[in-house]
Protein backbone atom coordinates (compact mmCIF):
# COMPACT_ATOMS: atom_id res chain seq x y z
CA MET A 1 -6.99 15.34 -8.59
CA LEU A 2 -3.28 14.77 -8.91
CA ASN A 3 -1.30 17.94 -9.49
CA VAL A 4 0.15 17.54 -12.97
CA GLU A 5 2.45 20.53 -12.47
CA CYS A 6 4.36 18.54 -9.88
CA PHE A 7 5.36 16.12 -12.64
CA SER A 8 6.25 18.65 -15.39
CA ALA A 9 9.88 17.50 -15.58
CA PRO A 10 10.71 13.85 -16.41
CA GLN A 11 11.31 11.76 -13.31
CA ASN A 12 13.00 8.39 -13.14
CA TRP A 13 11.15 5.98 -10.88
CA LEU A 14 12.05 2.39 -10.13
CA LEU A 15 9.66 -0.51 -10.72
CA LEU A 16 9.92 -3.69 -8.65
CA ASN A 17 7.64 -6.68 -9.23
CA PHE A 18 8.69 -9.16 -6.57
CA GLY A 19 6.03 -11.82 -6.99
CA LYS A 20 4.64 -13.80 -4.05
CA CYS A 21 6.50 -13.84 -0.73
CA ALA A 22 5.85 -14.72 2.90
CA ALA A 23 3.98 -12.11 4.92
CA ALA A 24 6.88 -11.29 7.24
CA PHE A 25 9.26 -10.83 4.32
CA ASN A 26 6.80 -8.57 2.50
CA MET A 27 6.73 -6.16 5.43
CA ALA A 28 10.50 -6.44 5.89
CA LEU A 29 11.28 -5.57 2.28
CA ASP A 30 9.06 -2.51 2.39
CA GLU A 31 10.88 -1.28 5.50
CA ALA A 32 14.25 -2.07 3.93
CA LEU A 33 13.27 -0.01 0.88
CA LEU A 34 12.36 2.91 3.14
CA GLU A 35 15.72 2.66 4.89
CA ALA A 36 17.45 2.63 1.49
CA MET A 37 15.76 5.78 0.20
CA PRO A 38 18.54 8.23 1.19
CA ARG A 39 20.91 6.08 -0.88
CA LEU A 40 18.62 5.25 -3.81
CA GLN A 41 17.21 8.78 -4.15
CA LYS A 42 14.48 7.54 -6.50
CA PRO A 43 10.89 6.52 -5.82
CA VAL A 44 10.15 2.79 -5.98
CA LEU A 45 6.80 1.29 -6.97
CA ARG A 46 6.58 -2.32 -5.83
CA PHE A 47 3.90 -4.88 -6.69
CA TYR A 48 3.79 -8.05 -4.62
CA GLY A 49 1.70 -11.03 -3.57
CA TRP A 50 1.43 -13.56 -0.76
CA THR A 51 2.49 -17.19 -0.57
CA GLU A 52 -0.28 -17.86 1.96
CA PRO A 53 -3.40 -16.11 3.28
CA ALA A 54 -2.41 -13.59 5.93
CA ALA A 55 -3.48 -10.35 7.56
CA THR A 56 -1.44 -7.28 8.37
CA PHE A 57 -2.44 -4.67 10.90
CA GLY A 58 -1.45 -1.14 11.80
CA TYR A 59 1.66 -0.39 13.82
CA PHE A 60 -0.33 1.12 16.69
CA GLN A 61 -3.08 -1.52 16.95
CA LYS A 62 -3.52 -3.90 19.88
CA PHE A 63 -2.65 -7.47 18.96
CA SER A 64 -5.24 -8.97 21.32
CA GLU A 65 -8.02 -7.13 19.50
CA VAL A 66 -6.66 -7.96 16.07
CA GLU A 67 -6.41 -11.70 16.68
CA ARG A 68 -10.07 -11.80 17.76
CA ALA A 69 -11.20 -9.87 14.70
CA THR A 70 -9.86 -12.09 11.89
CA HIS A 71 -9.35 -15.79 11.28
CA LEU A 72 -6.44 -15.16 8.92
CA ARG A 73 -2.96 -16.23 10.02
CA PRO A 74 -0.21 -15.24 10.24
CA LEU A 75 -0.83 -11.80 11.71
CA ILE A 76 1.98 -9.37 10.95
CA ARG A 77 2.31 -5.85 12.33
CA ARG A 78 3.01 -3.37 9.52
CA PRO A 79 5.61 -0.60 9.72
CA THR A 80 2.76 1.75 8.73
CA GLY A 81 -0.44 2.75 10.49
CA GLY A 82 -4.01 1.96 9.50
CA GLY A 83 -6.23 -1.00 10.28
CA ILE A 84 -6.54 -4.72 9.64
CA VAL A 85 -6.02 -5.71 6.00
CA PRO A 86 -6.85 -9.22 4.73
CA HIS A 87 -4.38 -10.61 2.21
CA ASP A 88 -6.27 -13.60 0.87
CA ALA A 89 -7.43 -12.19 -2.45
CA ASP A 90 -6.08 -8.65 -2.66
CA TRP A 91 -3.63 -6.90 -4.96
CA THR A 92 -0.87 -5.36 -2.91
CA TYR A 93 1.57 -2.59 -3.73
CA SER A 94 3.86 -0.13 -2.02
CA VAL A 95 5.39 3.17 -3.08
CA VAL A 96 8.47 4.56 -1.37
CA PHE A 97 9.71 8.14 -1.80
CA PRO A 98 13.12 9.55 -0.80
CA PRO A 99 13.56 12.53 1.53
CA GLY A 100 13.30 15.79 -0.37
CA HIS A 101 10.86 14.39 -2.93
CA GLU A 102 7.69 16.41 -3.40
CA TRP A 103 5.52 13.57 -2.04
CA HIS A 104 7.63 13.37 1.12
CA SER A 105 6.70 16.93 2.08
CA LEU A 106 2.96 16.42 1.63
CA LYS A 107 0.60 16.21 4.56
CA ALA A 108 -0.69 12.70 5.19
CA GLU A 109 -4.21 13.54 4.01
CA GLU A 110 -2.92 14.87 0.69
CA SER A 111 -0.57 11.96 -0.06
CA TYR A 112 -3.45 9.60 0.79
CA ARG A 113 -5.69 11.40 -1.68
CA ARG A 114 -3.03 11.42 -4.38
CA ILE A 115 -2.22 7.73 -4.16
CA HIS A 116 -5.89 6.84 -4.54
CA ASP A 117 -6.38 9.28 -7.39
CA TRP A 118 -3.52 7.48 -9.12
CA LEU A 119 -5.42 4.23 -8.67
CA ARG A 120 -8.59 5.89 -9.93
CA LEU A 121 -6.81 6.92 -13.13
CA ALA A 122 -5.45 3.40 -13.57
CA PHE A 123 -8.92 1.90 -13.32
CA ALA A 124 -10.22 4.55 -15.73
CA GLU A 125 -7.55 3.44 -18.18
CA LEU A 126 -9.20 0.00 -17.98
CA LYS A 127 -12.68 1.51 -18.53
CA ILE A 128 -13.67 0.90 -14.91
CA GLU A 129 -15.28 3.85 -13.15
CA THR A 130 -14.24 4.46 -9.56
CA GLU A 131 -14.30 7.52 -7.33
CA LEU A 132 -12.70 8.95 -4.24
CA ALA A 133 -14.90 8.98 -1.15
CA PRO A 134 -15.87 12.59 -0.38
CA CYS A 135 -16.33 11.80 3.29
CA CYS A 136 -16.45 8.81 5.59
CA ARG A 137 -18.92 6.03 6.29
CA LYS A 138 -18.21 3.67 9.16
CA ALA A 139 -20.44 0.83 7.99
CA GLU A 140 -22.29 -0.04 4.82
CA SER A 141 -25.90 1.11 4.87
CA GLY A 142 -28.46 -1.59 5.53
CA LYS A 143 -26.01 -3.82 7.36
CA PRO A 144 -25.73 -4.29 11.12
CA LYS A 145 -22.80 -2.63 12.81
CA VAL A 146 -20.05 -5.06 13.67
CA LYS A 147 -17.48 -4.12 16.26
CA ILE A 148 -14.20 -4.79 14.50
CA PRO A 149 -11.10 -2.88 15.63
CA SER A 150 -10.17 -0.63 12.71
CA ALA A 151 -10.86 -3.16 9.96
CA CYS A 152 -9.65 -1.43 6.83
CA PHE A 153 -12.45 -2.47 4.49
CA ILE A 154 -15.43 -1.98 6.84
CA GLY A 155 -17.02 1.29 5.72
CA TYR A 156 -14.68 3.89 4.27
CA GLU A 157 -12.78 7.07 5.03
CA LYS A 158 -12.33 10.28 3.07
CA SER A 159 -10.34 9.70 -0.16
CA ASP A 160 -10.67 5.91 -0.07
CA LEU A 161 -11.28 4.46 -3.54
CA LEU A 162 -14.87 3.37 -4.17
CA TRP A 163 -16.45 1.18 -6.83
CA ARG A 164 -20.23 1.42 -6.94
CA GLY A 165 -20.18 2.91 -3.46
CA LYS A 166 -18.03 0.19 -1.92
CA LYS A 167 -14.46 0.64 -0.78
CA ILE A 168 -12.00 -1.31 -2.91
CA ALA A 169 -8.69 0.31 -1.95
CA GLY A 170 -7.05 1.62 1.18
CA ALA A 171 -3.54 2.59 2.17
CA ALA A 172 -1.34 3.24 5.19
CA GLN A 173 1.66 5.52 5.52
CA ARG A 174 4.89 6.03 7.39
CA ARG A 175 6.76 9.29 6.97
CA ASN A 176 10.12 9.98 8.64
CA LYS A 177 13.55 11.44 7.87
CA LEU A 178 14.36 8.45 5.65
CA GLY A 179 11.42 9.07 3.31
CA LEU A 180 7.77 8.15 2.83
CA LEU A 181 6.40 4.61 2.67
CA ILE A 182 2.86 4.03 1.42
CA GLN A 183 1.49 0.48 1.60
CA GLY A 184 -1.71 -0.12 -0.34
CA SER A 185 -4.22 -2.90 -0.84
CA VAL A 186 -6.78 -3.27 -3.61
CA GLN A 187 -9.74 -5.61 -3.19
CA PRO A 188 -10.48 -6.00 -6.90
CA PRO A 189 -14.09 -5.51 -7.99
CA PRO A 190 -15.95 -8.72 -8.90
CA ILE A 191 -15.56 -8.30 -12.65
CA SER A 192 -13.32 -9.84 -15.27
CA LEU A 193 -10.02 -8.06 -14.69
CA ALA A 194 -6.47 -9.38 -14.72
CA ARG A 195 -4.06 -8.16 -12.09
CA THR A 196 -1.34 -7.71 -14.71
CA ASP A 197 -3.60 -5.33 -16.65
CA TRP A 198 -4.08 -3.24 -13.52
CA GLU A 199 -0.34 -3.19 -12.81
CA ASN A 200 0.37 -2.10 -16.38
CA ALA A 201 -2.26 0.62 -16.12
CA MET A 202 -0.66 1.93 -12.92
CA GLY A 203 2.59 2.33 -14.80
CA GLU A 204 1.06 3.83 -17.91
CA VAL A 205 -1.01 6.54 -16.24
CA ALA A 206 2.07 7.69 -14.34
CA ARG A 207 4.23 7.60 -17.47
CA THR A 208 2.18 9.81 -19.78
CA PRO A 209 0.51 12.68 -17.92
CA PHE A 210 2.98 12.76 -15.02
CA HIS A 211 6.19 12.25 -17.01
CA VAL A 212 7.48 9.28 -15.04
CA ALA A 213 10.15 7.22 -16.80
CA TRP A 214 10.24 3.70 -15.39
CA SER A 215 13.37 1.62 -14.83
CA LYS A 216 13.20 -1.98 -13.70
CA PHE A 217 14.75 -2.42 -10.28
CA THR A 218 16.42 -5.39 -8.66
CA PRO A 219 17.44 -5.06 -4.98
CA ASP A 220 21.19 -5.23 -4.52
CA ALA A 221 22.87 -7.62 -2.11
CA GLY A 222 22.86 -5.13 0.75
CA LEU A 223 19.16 -4.34 0.47
CA ALA A 224 18.25 -8.03 0.13
CA ALA A 225 20.35 -8.89 3.18
CA ARG A 226 18.68 -6.14 5.19
CA ALA A 227 15.23 -7.44 4.23
CA ASP A 228 16.22 -10.94 5.33
CA GLU A 229 17.57 -9.55 8.60
CA LEU A 230 14.36 -7.63 9.31
CA THR A 231 12.34 -10.75 8.50
CA ARG A 232 14.25 -12.86 11.03
CA GLN A 233 14.77 -10.31 13.78
CA LYS A 234 11.55 -8.30 13.61
CA TYR A 235 8.60 -9.37 11.48
CA SER A 236 8.83 -13.08 12.33
CA GLN A 237 9.09 -12.37 16.05
CA HIS A 238 6.18 -12.54 18.50
CA GLY A 239 7.93 -9.82 20.48
CA TYR A 240 7.30 -7.36 17.66
CA ASN A 241 3.96 -8.55 16.33
CA GLN A 242 2.41 -8.85 19.80
CA LYS A 243 4.14 -5.93 21.48
CA ARG A 244 0.90 -4.02 22.08
């Protein structure tokens, strides 16, 4: 469970709902937010969507294996680790923490557990029961094993979010001296549920028990320019996306 004591004092977090953007720009803005953390000094929760079906894949994955494993295009290498994530029907978010924040000092396993427990509480707010995976399962029981290089939603790992035994949320992380970036994807369960209700629940469950005070955030000119630069020079370039 999330440690409520860590949130005993009110904290001001920034909320950014950026709407739908191109895949390369989505990755670029997340990296730009991480770079801006020493200046912003406040966590940012960002919700975003995709202007076209796409797939992102972990920073350390081999492009040749990824392109054989999914039909989705474009394929964009994330700044975080993890596996292949389809972005054709998912709900995507990121959370960025500044250096010195309590989350920044956590071990990767613990921050992974906490982010998914936050999601669990949000779904509980909507009367939807989910749970954290106690251990891992590489493939769903009763189904043939398919050799897919680190596909994020094939089987599950410890602390993934499960609905009726199936993984519906995963996340990837990057932690460095600038801060902590967590990029998450939710494959919503096949029930009547509006994305806006889930986003609101994410904010509410952080606001009340964890004493987070939300402020709407709009990237300033410098941050926006940096995101555009990273889009052009990095995330839109074959040299980056296919470098392994």
